[in-house]
Amino acid sequence: MSQYLGAIRQLGYVVTDIEEAMAYWTDVMGVGPFFYNPRVPIENYTYEGEHYEVHNSVALANSGFIQVELIQTRNDAPSMYRDFLRAGNTGLQHVAFWTNDYDSDLAAMQARGYRVKMSGEVGVNGRFAYFDREYHPGTVIELSEVLGPKGQMFRTIREASENWDGRDPVRPFPSLSETAL
């Protein structure tokens, strides 16, 4: 448990072939089902303070309390994922802490000297920030807001994993629209 942000809730893996990675996690690790979005709608995305259009494919599944995120970049927009791959890495790139009080937790991390390197929004109340401190691959910290539709989507994904019987290992992302939830 982090004394700053609570429990780690997500492990983020950057992969070069997301379909292959989903097959590995479901067939070899028995983790699933994965909810897959070939193009995550990220708004207000910034990297080092500059705005870019990113195209990332993401798959999410839970193993108990921990969410497994698989990420494949589909364009060359600057990102910490692209940096990770260019450094010759694949695999665990970040750990995420989830928050219902994003502004307060972000301010607290910044007061500790953490600087936001990459940020954006996924749906309503779905802001995220990746901090610039990376001591070795897999130690980047993400702060992820989980209110509203994004929080409900994460609950849906966790609940689907609880009694998963191995059928339908890859499913479409649940809707992020408030009207659908």
N, C-alpha and C. Protein backbone atom coordinates (compact mmCIF):
# COMPACT_ATOMS: atom_id res chain seq x y z
N MET A 1 0.86 -1.17 0.00
CA MET A 1 0.00 0.00 0.00
C MET A 1 0.90 1.23 0.00
N SER A 2 0.63 2.14 -0.89
CA SER A 2 1.38 3.39 -0.93
C SER A 2 0.87 4.32 0.17
N GLN A 3 1.77 4.88 0.92
CA GLN A 3 1.36 5.83 1.95
C GLN A 3 0.84 7.13 1.35
N TYR A 4 1.05 7.33 0.05
CA TYR A 4 0.59 8.56 -0.61
C TYR A 4 -0.76 8.38 -1.31
N LEU A 5 -0.94 7.26 -2.01
CA LEU A 5 -2.11 7.12 -2.88
C LEU A 5 -2.93 5.85 -2.64
N GLY A 6 -2.59 5.07 -1.64
CA GLY A 6 -3.35 3.85 -1.39
C GLY A 6 -2.82 2.68 -2.18
N ALA A 7 -3.71 1.77 -2.53
CA ALA A 7 -3.33 0.52 -3.20
C ALA A 7 -3.07 0.73 -4.69
N ILE A 8 -2.08 0.01 -5.21
CA ILE A 8 -1.90 -0.07 -6.66
C ILE A 8 -3.11 -0.82 -7.20
N ARG A 9 -3.76 -0.25 -8.23
CA ARG A 9 -4.97 -0.86 -8.76
C ARG A 9 -4.80 -1.39 -10.18
N GLN A 10 -3.72 -0.99 -10.86
CA GLN A 10 -3.56 -1.40 -12.25
C GLN A 10 -2.08 -1.58 -12.57
N LEU A 11 -1.80 -2.61 -13.39
CA LEU A 11 -0.47 -2.83 -13.95
C LEU A 11 -0.59 -2.59 -15.45
N GLY A 12 0.19 -1.65 -15.97
CA GLY A 12 0.10 -1.28 -17.38
C GLY A 12 1.27 -1.82 -18.19
N TYR A 13 0.95 -2.69 -19.15
CA TYR A 13 1.95 -3.33 -19.99
C TYR A 13 1.90 -2.74 -21.39
N VAL A 14 3.04 -2.29 -21.90
CA VAL A 14 3.14 -1.82 -23.28
C VAL A 14 3.62 -2.99 -24.11
N VAL A 15 2.86 -3.27 -25.17
CA VAL A 15 3.12 -4.44 -26.00
C VAL A 15 3.21 -4.03 -27.47
N THR A 16 3.81 -4.88 -28.27
CA THR A 16 3.91 -4.59 -29.71
C THR A 16 2.80 -5.27 -30.50
N ASP A 17 2.13 -6.26 -29.90
CA ASP A 17 1.03 -6.95 -30.57
C ASP A 17 -0.03 -7.26 -29.52
N ILE A 18 -1.04 -6.42 -29.46
CA ILE A 18 -2.04 -6.53 -28.41
C ILE A 18 -2.88 -7.81 -28.51
N GLU A 19 -3.16 -8.25 -29.73
CA GLU A 19 -3.91 -9.49 -29.90
C GLU A 19 -3.12 -10.68 -29.35
N GLU A 20 -1.83 -10.71 -29.64
CA GLU A 20 -0.97 -11.77 -29.12
C GLU A 20 -0.89 -11.68 -27.59
N ALA A 21 -0.80 -10.49 -27.06
CA ALA A 21 -0.72 -10.31 -25.61
C ALA A 21 -2.01 -10.76 -24.93
N MET A 22 -3.17 -10.43 -25.51
CA MET A 22 -4.44 -10.88 -24.93
C MET A 22 -4.51 -12.41 -24.94
N ALA A 23 -4.06 -13.03 -26.03
CA ALA A 23 -4.06 -14.50 -26.11
C ALA A 23 -3.17 -15.09 -25.02
N TYR A 24 -2.00 -14.50 -24.81
CA TYR A 24 -1.10 -14.98 -23.77
C TYR A 24 -1.76 -14.89 -22.39
N TRP A 25 -2.29 -13.72 -22.08
CA TRP A 25 -2.88 -13.53 -20.75
C TRP A 25 -4.08 -14.44 -20.52
N THR A 26 -4.90 -14.66 -21.55
CA THR A 26 -6.06 -15.53 -21.35
C THR A 26 -5.69 -17.01 -21.39
N ASP A 27 -4.87 -17.43 -22.36
CA ASP A 27 -4.55 -18.84 -22.54
C ASP A 27 -3.52 -19.36 -21.54
N VAL A 28 -2.48 -18.57 -21.27
CA VAL A 28 -1.39 -19.02 -20.41
C VAL A 28 -1.62 -18.63 -18.95
N MET A 29 -2.05 -17.41 -18.72
CA MET A 29 -2.22 -16.90 -17.36
C MET A 29 -3.63 -17.13 -16.81
N GLY A 30 -4.60 -17.39 -17.70
CA GLY A 30 -5.97 -17.61 -17.26
C GLY A 30 -6.67 -16.35 -16.78
N VAL A 31 -6.19 -15.19 -17.21
CA VAL A 31 -6.76 -13.91 -16.81
C VAL A 31 -7.69 -13.42 -17.91
N GLY A 32 -8.87 -12.98 -17.53
CA GLY A 32 -9.82 -12.46 -18.51
C GLY A 32 -11.18 -12.30 -17.88
N PRO A 33 -12.14 -11.95 -18.67
CA PRO A 33 -12.04 -11.62 -20.08
C PRO A 33 -11.43 -10.23 -20.27
N PHE A 34 -10.85 -10.02 -21.43
CA PHE A 34 -10.32 -8.71 -21.78
C PHE A 34 -11.38 -7.90 -22.50
N PHE A 35 -11.49 -6.66 -22.15
CA PHE A 35 -12.35 -5.71 -22.84
C PHE A 35 -11.43 -4.85 -23.69
N TYR A 36 -11.65 -4.89 -25.00
CA TYR A 36 -10.72 -4.34 -25.97
C TYR A 36 -11.31 -3.15 -26.71
N ASN A 37 -10.50 -2.10 -26.82
CA ASN A 37 -10.87 -0.93 -27.61
C ASN A 37 -9.71 -0.66 -28.58
N PRO A 38 -9.94 -0.83 -29.89
CA PRO A 38 -8.86 -0.63 -30.85
C PRO A 38 -8.41 0.83 -30.97
N ARG A 39 -9.24 1.77 -30.52
CA ARG A 39 -8.84 3.19 -30.55
C ARG A 39 -9.51 3.91 -29.38
N VAL A 40 -8.78 4.04 -28.30
CA VAL A 40 -9.32 4.68 -27.10
C VAL A 40 -9.51 6.17 -27.37
N PRO A 41 -10.69 6.70 -27.06
CA PRO A 41 -10.95 8.13 -27.29
C PRO A 41 -10.33 8.99 -26.18
N ILE A 42 -9.11 9.45 -26.41
CA ILE A 42 -8.40 10.28 -25.43
C ILE A 42 -8.55 11.73 -25.84
N GLU A 43 -9.05 12.53 -24.91
CA GLU A 43 -9.22 13.97 -25.14
C GLU A 43 -8.19 14.74 -24.32
N ASN A 44 -7.89 15.95 -24.77
CA ASN A 44 -6.98 16.86 -24.06
C ASN A 44 -5.65 16.19 -23.71
N TYR A 45 -5.15 15.38 -24.63
CA TYR A 45 -3.90 14.66 -24.40
C TYR A 45 -2.71 15.62 -24.52
N THR A 46 -1.80 15.54 -23.54
CA THR A 46 -0.56 16.30 -23.60
C THR A 46 0.62 15.41 -23.23
N TYR A 47 1.74 15.72 -23.84
CA TYR A 47 3.02 15.09 -23.51
C TYR A 47 4.02 16.22 -23.40
N GLU A 48 4.65 16.33 -22.25
CA GLU A 48 5.58 17.43 -21.97
C GLU A 48 4.93 18.78 -22.26
N GLY A 49 3.64 18.89 -21.95
CA GLY A 49 2.91 20.16 -22.09
C GLY A 49 2.42 20.49 -23.48
N GLU A 50 2.72 19.65 -24.46
CA GLU A 50 2.29 19.88 -25.84
C GLU A 50 1.12 18.94 -26.17
N HIS A 51 0.19 19.43 -26.98
CA HIS A 51 -0.97 18.63 -27.38
C HIS A 51 -0.65 17.78 -28.61
N TYR A 52 -1.13 16.53 -28.59
CA TYR A 52 -0.95 15.61 -29.70
C TYR A 52 -2.20 14.76 -29.85
N GLU A 53 -2.36 14.17 -31.03
CA GLU A 53 -3.41 13.19 -31.29
C GLU A 53 -2.77 11.81 -31.20
N VAL A 54 -3.19 11.03 -30.23
CA VAL A 54 -2.63 9.69 -30.07
C VAL A 54 -3.64 8.65 -30.54
N HIS A 55 -3.11 7.54 -30.99
CA HIS A 55 -3.95 6.40 -31.35
C HIS A 55 -3.38 5.20 -30.60
N ASN A 56 -4.07 4.83 -29.53
CA ASN A 56 -3.66 3.70 -28.72
C ASN A 56 -4.78 2.68 -28.69
N SER A 57 -4.41 1.41 -28.80
CA SER A 57 -5.34 0.31 -28.56
C SER A 57 -5.10 -0.16 -27.13
N VAL A 58 -6.20 -0.44 -26.42
CA VAL A 58 -6.10 -0.84 -25.02
C VAL A 58 -7.02 -2.03 -24.76
N ALA A 59 -6.53 -2.95 -23.95
CA ALA A 59 -7.34 -4.08 -23.48
C ALA A 59 -7.22 -4.12 -21.96
N LEU A 60 -8.36 -4.31 -21.28
CA LEU A 60 -8.40 -4.32 -19.82
C LEU A 60 -9.05 -5.61 -19.32
N ALA A 61 -8.46 -6.18 -18.28
CA ALA A 61 -9.03 -7.33 -17.58
C ALA A 61 -8.60 -7.24 -16.13
N ASN A 62 -9.25 -7.98 -15.28
CA ASN A 62 -8.86 -8.01 -13.88
C ASN A 62 -8.38 -9.39 -13.48
N SER A 63 -7.43 -9.39 -12.56
CA SER A 63 -7.02 -10.57 -11.84
C SER A 63 -7.22 -10.21 -10.38
N GLY A 64 -8.38 -10.55 -9.86
CA GLY A 64 -8.73 -10.13 -8.51
C GLY A 64 -8.89 -8.62 -8.45
N PHE A 65 -8.23 -8.02 -7.48
CA PHE A 65 -8.31 -6.58 -7.24
C PHE A 65 -7.53 -5.78 -8.28
N ILE A 66 -6.55 -6.41 -8.92
CA ILE A 66 -5.63 -5.72 -9.83
C ILE A 66 -6.15 -5.78 -11.26
N GLN A 67 -6.15 -4.62 -11.92
CA GLN A 67 -6.50 -4.56 -13.32
C GLN A 67 -5.23 -4.67 -14.16
N VAL A 68 -5.30 -5.46 -15.21
CA VAL A 68 -4.21 -5.60 -16.17
C VAL A 68 -4.59 -4.79 -17.40
N GLU A 69 -3.72 -3.86 -17.76
CA GLU A 69 -3.93 -3.04 -18.95
C GLU A 69 -2.86 -3.37 -19.98
N LEU A 70 -3.29 -3.68 -21.18
CA LEU A 70 -2.39 -3.91 -22.30
C LEU A 70 -2.53 -2.73 -23.25
N ILE A 71 -1.41 -2.15 -23.68
CA ILE A 71 -1.43 -0.93 -24.50
C ILE A 71 -0.54 -1.15 -25.72
N GLN A 72 -1.10 -0.85 -26.89
CA GLN A 72 -0.30 -0.84 -28.11
C GLN A 72 -0.47 0.52 -28.77
N THR A 73 0.65 1.19 -29.01
CA THR A 73 0.59 2.47 -29.72
C THR A 73 0.42 2.17 -31.20
N ARG A 74 -0.42 2.98 -31.86
CA ARG A 74 -0.71 2.75 -33.28
C ARG A 74 -0.20 3.89 -34.17
N ASN A 75 0.31 4.96 -33.54
CA ASN A 75 0.91 6.03 -34.33
C ASN A 75 2.19 6.48 -33.62
N ASP A 76 2.85 7.47 -34.18
CA ASP A 76 4.15 7.89 -33.65
C ASP A 76 4.04 9.15 -32.81
N ALA A 77 2.86 9.45 -32.29
CA ALA A 77 2.71 10.63 -31.42
C ALA A 77 3.57 10.44 -30.17
N PRO A 78 4.19 11.51 -29.70
CA PRO A 78 5.01 11.39 -28.49
C PRO A 78 4.17 10.90 -27.31
N SER A 79 4.75 9.93 -26.60
CA SER A 79 4.10 9.40 -25.40
C SER A 79 5.15 8.66 -24.58
N MET A 80 4.82 8.41 -23.33
CA MET A 80 5.71 7.61 -22.49
C MET A 80 5.73 6.16 -22.96
N TYR A 81 4.66 5.72 -23.61
CA TYR A 81 4.65 4.36 -24.17
C TYR A 81 5.65 4.26 -25.32
N ARG A 82 5.63 5.27 -26.20
CA ARG A 82 6.56 5.28 -27.33
C ARG A 82 8.00 5.34 -26.81
N ASP A 83 8.24 6.18 -25.79
CA ASP A 83 9.59 6.28 -25.20
C ASP A 83 10.05 4.93 -24.67
N PHE A 84 9.14 4.23 -24.00
CA PHE A 84 9.43 2.92 -23.41
C PHE A 84 9.85 1.93 -24.50
N LEU A 85 9.08 1.91 -25.59
CA LEU A 85 9.41 1.01 -26.71
C LEU A 85 10.73 1.39 -27.37
N ARG A 86 10.94 2.68 -27.57
CA ARG A 86 12.18 3.14 -28.22
C ARG A 86 13.41 2.83 -27.39
N ALA A 87 13.22 2.71 -26.06
CA ALA A 87 14.34 2.35 -25.19
C ALA A 87 14.62 0.85 -25.23
N GLY A 88 13.85 0.12 -26.06
CA GLY A 88 14.05 -1.31 -26.20
C GLY A 88 13.26 -2.15 -25.22
N ASN A 89 12.29 -1.55 -24.56
CA ASN A 89 11.50 -2.26 -23.56
C ASN A 89 10.14 -2.68 -24.09
N THR A 90 9.62 -3.74 -23.54
CA THR A 90 8.21 -4.12 -23.63
C THR A 90 7.86 -4.69 -22.27
N GLY A 91 6.57 -4.74 -21.97
CA GLY A 91 6.15 -5.29 -20.69
C GLY A 91 5.67 -4.21 -19.75
N LEU A 92 5.86 -4.45 -18.45
CA LEU A 92 5.35 -3.54 -17.43
C LEU A 92 5.96 -2.16 -17.59
N GLN A 93 5.11 -1.16 -17.82
CA GLN A 93 5.57 0.22 -18.02
C GLN A 93 5.11 1.14 -16.90
N HIS A 94 3.97 0.84 -16.28
CA HIS A 94 3.49 1.71 -15.20
C HIS A 94 2.62 0.96 -14.21
N VAL A 95 2.49 1.56 -13.05
CA VAL A 95 1.50 1.14 -12.07
C VAL A 95 0.56 2.32 -11.88
N ALA A 96 -0.73 2.02 -11.71
CA ALA A 96 -1.71 3.10 -11.57
C ALA A 96 -2.38 3.03 -10.21
N PHE A 97 -2.59 4.21 -9.67
CA PHE A 97 -3.38 4.40 -8.47
C PHE A 97 -4.67 5.07 -8.90
N TRP A 98 -5.78 4.60 -8.38
CA TRP A 98 -7.08 5.16 -8.74
C TRP A 98 -7.52 6.14 -7.67
N THR A 99 -8.21 7.18 -8.11
CA THR A 99 -8.64 8.21 -7.17
C THR A 99 -10.04 8.70 -7.48
N ASN A 100 -10.74 9.05 -6.41
CA ASN A 100 -12.02 9.74 -6.52
C ASN A 100 -11.84 11.23 -6.23
N ASP A 101 -10.62 11.64 -5.86
CA ASP A 101 -10.32 13.04 -5.58
C ASP A 101 -9.06 13.44 -6.35
N TYR A 102 -9.21 13.47 -7.66
CA TYR A 102 -8.09 13.68 -8.58
C TYR A 102 -7.33 14.98 -8.28
N ASP A 103 -8.05 16.08 -8.16
CA ASP A 103 -7.37 17.37 -7.97
C ASP A 103 -6.52 17.38 -6.71
N SER A 104 -7.05 16.85 -5.63
CA SER A 104 -6.33 16.82 -4.36
C SER A 104 -5.11 15.89 -4.43
N ASP A 105 -5.31 14.70 -5.00
CA ASP A 105 -4.18 13.76 -5.09
C ASP A 105 -3.11 14.25 -6.07
N LEU A 106 -3.52 14.88 -7.15
CA LEU A 106 -2.56 15.44 -8.10
C LEU A 106 -1.74 16.53 -7.41
N ALA A 107 -2.40 17.43 -6.70
CA ALA A 107 -1.70 18.50 -5.98
C ALA A 107 -0.74 17.93 -4.94
N ALA A 108 -1.16 16.89 -4.25
CA ALA A 108 -0.29 16.28 -3.22
C ALA A 108 0.95 15.68 -3.86
N MET A 109 0.80 15.01 -5.00
CA MET A 109 1.96 14.43 -5.67
C MET A 109 2.90 15.53 -6.19
N GLN A 110 2.32 16.58 -6.74
CA GLN A 110 3.15 17.69 -7.22
C GLN A 110 3.89 18.36 -6.06
N ALA A 111 3.25 18.44 -4.90
CA ALA A 111 3.91 19.02 -3.73
C ALA A 111 5.09 18.14 -3.28
N ARG A 112 5.06 16.86 -3.60
CA ARG A 112 6.16 15.95 -3.28
C ARG A 112 7.26 15.98 -4.35
N GLY A 113 7.08 16.81 -5.37
CA GLY A 113 8.10 16.96 -6.40
C GLY A 113 7.84 16.18 -7.67
N TYR A 114 6.70 15.51 -7.77
CA TYR A 114 6.37 14.79 -8.99
C TYR A 114 5.87 15.77 -10.04
N ARG A 115 6.33 15.57 -11.27
CA ARG A 115 5.95 16.45 -12.38
C ARG A 115 5.18 15.63 -13.40
N VAL A 116 4.06 16.18 -13.88
CA VAL A 116 3.25 15.48 -14.88
C VAL A 116 3.99 15.53 -16.22
N LYS A 117 4.18 14.37 -16.81
CA LYS A 117 4.83 14.28 -18.12
C LYS A 117 3.82 14.02 -19.22
N MET A 118 2.76 13.25 -18.90
CA MET A 118 1.76 12.87 -19.90
C MET A 118 0.40 12.88 -19.21
N SER A 119 -0.61 13.43 -19.90
CA SER A 119 -1.94 13.48 -19.28
C SER A 119 -3.01 13.53 -20.36
N GLY A 120 -4.26 13.32 -19.92
CA GLY A 120 -5.39 13.38 -20.82
C GLY A 120 -6.66 13.00 -20.09
N GLU A 121 -7.71 12.74 -20.87
CA GLU A 121 -9.01 12.37 -20.31
C GLU A 121 -9.63 11.27 -21.17
N VAL A 122 -10.25 10.33 -20.48
CA VAL A 122 -11.02 9.28 -21.15
C VAL A 122 -12.43 9.35 -20.57
N GLY A 123 -13.33 9.95 -21.31
CA GLY A 123 -14.70 10.10 -20.82
C GLY A 123 -14.82 11.15 -19.73
N VAL A 124 -16.03 11.28 -19.22
CA VAL A 124 -16.32 12.22 -18.14
C VAL A 124 -15.71 11.68 -16.86
N ASN A 125 -15.06 12.52 -16.09
CA ASN A 125 -14.40 12.13 -14.84
C ASN A 125 -13.41 10.99 -15.05
N GLY A 126 -12.66 11.08 -16.13
CA GLY A 126 -11.68 10.05 -16.43
C GLY A 126 -10.31 10.63 -16.71
N ARG A 127 -9.92 11.65 -15.95
CA ARG A 127 -8.61 12.26 -16.17
C ARG A 127 -7.50 11.30 -15.72
N PHE A 128 -6.33 11.46 -16.33
CA PHE A 128 -5.17 10.68 -15.92
C PHE A 128 -3.91 11.51 -16.07
N ALA A 129 -2.92 11.19 -15.25
CA ALA A 129 -1.62 11.85 -15.32
C ALA A 129 -0.54 10.81 -15.05
N TYR A 130 0.50 10.84 -15.88
CA TYR A 130 1.68 10.01 -15.67
C TYR A 130 2.79 10.95 -15.21
N PHE A 131 3.48 10.56 -14.15
CA PHE A 131 4.54 11.40 -13.60
C PHE A 131 5.89 11.03 -14.22
N ASP A 132 6.80 12.00 -14.23
CA ASP A 132 8.05 11.86 -14.96
C ASP A 132 9.10 11.00 -14.28
N ARG A 133 8.92 10.62 -13.08
CA ARG A 133 9.94 9.83 -12.39
C ARG A 133 9.89 8.38 -12.85
N GLU A 134 11.00 7.94 -13.45
CA GLU A 134 11.12 6.55 -13.87
C GLU A 134 12.52 6.10 -13.52
N TYR A 135 12.61 5.19 -12.56
CA TYR A 135 13.92 4.73 -12.11
C TYR A 135 14.34 3.47 -12.86
N HIS A 136 13.39 2.69 -13.28
CA HIS A 136 13.63 1.55 -14.16
C HIS A 136 12.27 1.20 -14.77
N PRO A 137 12.26 0.44 -15.87
CA PRO A 137 10.97 0.14 -16.52
C PRO A 137 9.96 -0.43 -15.53
N GLY A 138 8.73 0.01 -15.65
CA GLY A 138 7.65 -0.48 -14.81
C GLY A 138 7.42 0.32 -13.55
N THR A 139 8.15 1.42 -13.38
CA THR A 139 7.96 2.20 -12.15
C THR A 139 7.32 3.56 -12.39
N VAL A 140 6.89 3.82 -13.60
CA VAL A 140 6.16 5.06 -13.85
C VAL A 140 4.86 4.99 -13.05
N ILE A 141 4.47 6.10 -12.46
CA ILE A 141 3.24 6.16 -11.68
C ILE A 141 2.18 6.90 -12.47
N GLU A 142 1.01 6.29 -12.57
CA GLU A 142 -0.16 6.94 -13.17
C GLU A 142 -1.16 7.22 -12.07
N LEU A 143 -1.74 8.39 -12.10
CA LEU A 143 -2.88 8.75 -11.25
C LEU A 143 -4.10 8.75 -12.16
N SER A 144 -5.10 7.93 -11.84
CA SER A 144 -6.25 7.74 -12.71
C SER A 144 -7.54 8.02 -11.96
N GLU A 145 -8.29 8.98 -12.48
CA GLU A 145 -9.59 9.33 -11.90
C GLU A 145 -10.62 8.27 -12.29
N VAL A 146 -11.38 7.79 -11.31
CA VAL A 146 -12.33 6.71 -11.58
C VAL A 146 -13.73 7.04 -11.08
N LEU A 147 -14.18 8.21 -11.38
CA LEU A 147 -15.56 8.60 -11.08
C LEU A 147 -16.41 8.38 -12.32
N GLY A 148 -17.70 8.45 -12.17
CA GLY A 148 -18.62 8.44 -13.31
C GLY A 148 -18.47 7.25 -14.21
N PRO A 149 -18.61 7.44 -15.52
CA PRO A 149 -18.61 6.33 -16.49
C PRO A 149 -17.33 5.49 -16.47
N LYS A 150 -16.17 6.11 -16.30
CA LYS A 150 -14.93 5.34 -16.29
C LYS A 150 -14.89 4.41 -15.07
N GLY A 151 -15.30 4.92 -13.92
CA GLY A 151 -15.36 4.09 -12.72
C GLY A 151 -16.34 2.94 -12.88
N GLN A 152 -17.50 3.20 -13.49
CA GLN A 152 -18.48 2.15 -13.73
C GLN A 152 -17.94 1.11 -14.71
N MET A 153 -17.24 1.59 -15.75
CA MET A 153 -16.64 0.66 -16.70
C MET A 153 -15.64 -0.25 -16.00
N PHE A 154 -14.80 0.30 -15.13
CA PHE A 154 -13.82 -0.50 -14.40
C PHE A 154 -14.52 -1.52 -13.49
N ARG A 155 -15.63 -1.15 -12.87
CA ARG A 155 -16.39 -2.10 -12.04
C ARG A 155 -16.96 -3.24 -12.91
N THR A 156 -17.49 -2.88 -14.07
CA THR A 156 -18.02 -3.88 -15.00
C THR A 156 -16.94 -4.89 -15.40
N ILE A 157 -15.74 -4.39 -15.68
CA ILE A 157 -14.64 -5.26 -16.07
C ILE A 157 -14.23 -6.17 -14.92
N ARG A 158 -14.13 -5.62 -13.71
CA ARG A 158 -13.78 -6.44 -12.54
C ARG A 158 -14.85 -7.50 -12.30
N GLU A 159 -16.12 -7.11 -12.35
CA GLU A 159 -17.20 -8.05 -12.09
C GLU A 159 -17.22 -9.18 -13.13
N ALA A 160 -16.91 -8.87 -14.37
CA ALA A 160 -16.88 -9.89 -15.43
C ALA A 160 -15.80 -10.94 -15.16
N SER A 161 -14.73 -10.53 -14.48
CA SER A 161 -13.63 -11.46 -14.21
C SER A 161 -13.91 -12.40 -13.04
N GLU A 162 -14.84 -12.02 -12.18
CA GLU A 162 -15.02 -12.75 -10.93
C GLU A 162 -15.43 -14.20 -11.11
N ASN A 163 -16.26 -14.50 -12.06
CA ASN A 163 -16.67 -15.88 -12.31
C ASN A 163 -16.44 -16.27 -13.76
N TRP A 164 -15.42 -15.68 -14.37
CA TRP A 164 -15.15 -15.93 -15.78
C TRP A 164 -14.81 -17.40 -16.00
N ASP A 165 -15.45 -17.99 -16.98
CA ASP A 165 -15.28 -19.42 -17.26
C ASP A 165 -14.41 -19.69 -18.49
N GLY A 166 -13.76 -18.67 -19.01
CA GLY A 166 -12.89 -18.84 -20.17
C GLY A 166 -13.55 -18.58 -21.51
N ARG A 167 -14.89 -18.45 -21.50
CA ARG A 167 -15.59 -18.17 -22.76
C ARG A 167 -15.51 -16.68 -23.08
N ASP A 168 -15.62 -16.37 -24.37
CA ASP A 168 -15.58 -14.97 -24.84
C ASP A 168 -14.41 -14.21 -24.21
N PRO A 169 -13.17 -14.63 -24.50
CA PRO A 169 -12.02 -14.02 -23.83
C PRO A 169 -11.75 -12.57 -24.22
N VAL A 170 -12.26 -12.13 -25.40
CA VAL A 170 -12.08 -10.75 -25.83
C VAL A 170 -13.45 -10.18 -26.16
N ARG A 171 -13.74 -9.06 -25.51
CA ARG A 171 -15.05 -8.42 -25.65
C ARG A 171 -14.85 -6.93 -25.95
N PRO A 172 -15.85 -6.29 -26.52
CA PRO A 172 -15.73 -4.83 -26.75
C PRO A 172 -15.77 -4.07 -25.44
N PHE A 173 -15.13 -2.90 -25.43
CA PHE A 173 -15.17 -2.01 -24.26
C PHE A 173 -16.62 -1.71 -23.91
N PRO A 174 -16.97 -1.67 -22.63
CA PRO A 174 -18.28 -1.15 -22.23
C PRO A 174 -18.34 0.34 -22.61
N SER A 175 -19.54 0.86 -22.76
CA SER A 175 -19.73 2.26 -23.14
C SER A 175 -19.24 3.19 -22.04
N LEU A 176 -18.66 4.29 -22.47
CA LEU A 176 -18.26 5.35 -21.53
C LEU A 176 -19.30 6.47 -21.45
N SER A 177 -20.38 6.31 -22.18
CA SER A 177 -21.39 7.38 -22.15
C SER A 177 -22.23 7.23 -20.90
N GLU A 178 -22.53 8.34 -20.26
CA GLU A 178 -23.28 8.33 -19.01
C GLU A 178 -24.69 7.75 -19.24
N THR A 179 -25.26 7.95 -20.41
CA THR A 179 -26.60 7.47 -20.65
C THR A 179 -26.67 5.95 -20.72
N ALA A 180 -25.56 5.33 -21.07
CA ALA A 180 -25.54 3.87 -21.18
C ALA A 180 -25.30 3.20 -19.83
N LEU A 181 -24.94 3.96 -18.81
CA LEU A 181 -24.61 3.35 -17.53
C LEU A 181 -25.68 3.48 -16.52
